[in-house]
Amino acid sequence: MEIPLHQQFEKQRLQGVVHRATDLAELKGLTQQLIDLYFKQKAATAWVIADKS
């Protein structure tokens, strides 16, 4: 599956943040945000699939 160009840029930006991070608390905060976004995306996908059924 191809990632849209704007998402590729966002992905690269986040990868840069992780790569440059030197603070463990900063990495933990970013990880918590990404986990939250991951589960929101899963819920949104399930909602769309259920709505189409």
N, C-alpha and C. Protein backbone atom coordinates (compact mmCIF):
# COMPACT_ATOMS: atom_id res chain seq x y z
N MET A 1 0.84 -1.16 0.00
CA MET A 1 0.00 0.00 0.00
C MET A 1 0.90 1.24 0.00
N GLU A 2 0.60 2.17 -0.87
CA GLU A 2 1.37 3.40 -1.00
C GLU A 2 0.89 4.43 0.03
N ILE A 3 1.84 5.04 0.70
CA ILE A 3 1.53 6.10 1.67
C ILE A 3 1.46 7.43 0.92
N PRO A 4 0.39 8.22 1.13
CA PRO A 4 0.30 9.52 0.46
C PRO A 4 1.51 10.40 0.79
N LEU A 5 1.84 11.28 -0.13
CA LEU A 5 3.04 12.11 0.00
C LEU A 5 3.05 12.92 1.30
N HIS A 6 1.92 13.51 1.68
CA HIS A 6 1.90 14.32 2.91
C HIS A 6 2.16 13.45 4.14
N GLN A 7 1.72 12.19 4.10
CA GLN A 7 1.98 11.29 5.22
C GLN A 7 3.44 10.84 5.22
N GLN A 8 4.04 10.72 4.04
CA GLN A 8 5.46 10.38 3.97
C GLN A 8 6.30 11.47 4.63
N PHE A 9 5.93 12.74 4.39
CA PHE A 9 6.65 13.85 5.01
C PHE A 9 6.48 13.83 6.53
N GLU A 10 5.26 13.57 6.98
CA GLU A 10 5.00 13.52 8.43
C GLU A 10 5.77 12.36 9.06
N LYS A 11 5.81 11.23 8.37
CA LYS A 11 6.56 10.07 8.85
C LYS A 11 8.04 10.43 8.99
N GLN A 12 8.60 11.06 7.98
CA GLN A 12 10.01 11.46 8.04
C GLN A 12 10.26 12.46 9.17
N ARG A 13 9.32 13.38 9.38
CA ARG A 13 9.47 14.35 10.45
C ARG A 13 9.52 13.66 11.81
N LEU A 14 8.61 12.72 12.03
CA LEU A 14 8.57 12.00 13.30
C LEU A 14 9.80 11.12 13.48
N GLN A 15 10.27 10.51 12.40
CA GLN A 15 11.49 9.72 12.49
C GLN A 15 12.67 10.60 12.88
N GLY A 16 12.70 11.83 12.36
CA GLY A 16 13.76 12.76 12.73
C GLY A 16 13.70 13.14 14.19
N VAL A 17 12.48 13.34 14.71
CA VAL A 17 12.31 13.67 16.13
C VAL A 17 12.87 12.53 16.99
N VAL A 18 12.54 11.31 16.63
CA VAL A 18 13.01 10.16 17.40
C VAL A 18 14.54 10.05 17.29
N HIS A 19 15.05 10.23 16.11
CA HIS A 19 16.49 10.10 15.89
C HIS A 19 17.30 11.14 16.67
N ARG A 20 16.77 12.37 16.77
CA ARG A 20 17.48 13.44 17.45
C ARG A 20 17.26 13.46 18.96
N ALA A 21 16.28 12.73 19.43
CA ALA A 21 15.94 12.78 20.86
C ALA A 21 17.07 12.23 21.72
N THR A 22 17.35 12.95 22.79
CA THR A 22 18.36 12.50 23.75
C THR A 22 17.76 12.37 25.14
N ASP A 23 16.51 12.76 25.28
CA ASP A 23 15.84 12.77 26.58
C ASP A 23 14.87 11.60 26.65
N LEU A 24 15.05 10.73 27.63
CA LEU A 24 14.18 9.56 27.77
C LEU A 24 12.73 9.97 27.99
N ALA A 25 12.49 11.03 28.76
CA ALA A 25 11.12 11.48 29.00
C ALA A 25 10.47 11.94 27.70
N GLU A 26 11.24 12.59 26.83
CA GLU A 26 10.73 13.02 25.53
C GLU A 26 10.34 11.82 24.68
N LEU A 27 11.19 10.80 24.67
CA LEU A 27 10.88 9.59 23.91
C LEU A 27 9.65 8.87 24.46
N LYS A 28 9.54 8.83 25.78
CA LYS A 28 8.35 8.21 26.39
C LYS A 28 7.09 8.97 26.01
N GLY A 29 7.15 10.29 26.04
CA GLY A 29 5.99 11.10 25.66
C GLY A 29 5.59 10.87 24.22
N LEU A 30 6.58 10.84 23.33
CA LEU A 30 6.29 10.60 21.92
C LEU A 30 5.71 9.21 21.72
N THR A 31 6.26 8.23 22.40
CA THR A 31 5.75 6.86 22.30
C THR A 31 4.30 6.78 22.77
N GLN A 32 3.98 7.45 23.86
CA GLN A 32 2.60 7.45 24.35
C GLN A 32 1.66 8.08 23.34
N GLN A 33 2.09 9.17 22.71
CA GLN A 33 1.27 9.82 21.69
C GLN A 33 1.04 8.89 20.50
N LEU A 34 2.10 8.20 20.07
CA LEU A 34 1.97 7.30 18.93
C LEU A 34 1.08 6.11 19.24
N ILE A 35 1.17 5.59 20.45
CA ILE A 35 0.29 4.49 20.86
C ILE A 35 -1.16 4.95 20.85
N ASP A 36 -1.41 6.14 21.38
CA ASP A 36 -2.76 6.71 21.40
C ASP A 36 -3.29 6.87 19.97
N LEU A 37 -2.47 7.41 19.08
CA LEU A 37 -2.89 7.58 17.69
C LEU A 37 -3.14 6.25 17.01
N TYR A 38 -2.31 5.25 17.29
CA TYR A 38 -2.48 3.93 16.70
C TYR A 38 -3.85 3.34 17.07
N PHE A 39 -4.21 3.43 18.34
CA PHE A 39 -5.48 2.85 18.76
C PHE A 39 -6.68 3.68 18.29
N LYS A 40 -6.51 4.97 18.17
CA LYS A 40 -7.58 5.79 17.59
C LYS A 40 -7.80 5.41 16.13
N GLN A 41 -6.70 5.18 15.41
CA GLN A 41 -6.81 4.77 14.01
C GLN A 41 -7.49 3.41 13.89
N LYS A 42 -7.13 2.47 14.78
CA LYS A 42 -7.78 1.16 14.76
C LYS A 42 -9.28 1.30 15.00
N ALA A 43 -9.66 2.15 15.96
CA ALA A 43 -11.08 2.35 16.26
C ALA A 43 -11.79 2.99 15.09
N ALA A 44 -11.16 3.97 14.45
CA ALA A 44 -11.76 4.64 13.30
C ALA A 44 -11.93 3.66 12.14
N THR A 45 -10.95 2.82 11.91
CA THR A 45 -11.04 1.83 10.84
C THR A 45 -12.16 0.83 11.12
N ALA A 46 -12.27 0.37 12.35
CA ALA A 46 -13.34 -0.56 12.72
C ALA A 46 -14.71 0.10 12.55
N TRP A 47 -14.80 1.38 12.89
CA TRP A 47 -16.07 2.11 12.74
C TRP A 47 -16.46 2.21 11.27
N VAL A 48 -15.50 2.53 10.41
CA VAL A 48 -15.79 2.63 8.97
C VAL A 48 -16.21 1.28 8.41
N ILE A 49 -15.51 0.23 8.80
CA ILE A 49 -15.86 -1.11 8.31
C ILE A 49 -17.24 -1.51 8.79
N ALA A 50 -17.55 -1.24 10.04
CA ALA A 50 -18.88 -1.59 10.59
C ALA A 50 -19.98 -0.77 9.91
N ASP A 51 -19.71 0.46 9.58
CA ASP A 51 -20.69 1.35 8.95
C ASP A 51 -21.00 0.90 7.54
N LYS A 52 -20.03 0.28 6.87
CA LYS A 52 -20.23 -0.17 5.48
C LYS A 52 -20.94 -1.51 5.42
N SER A 53 -21.02 -2.21 6.54
CA SER A 53 -21.65 -3.54 6.55
C SER A 53 -23.15 -3.45 6.60
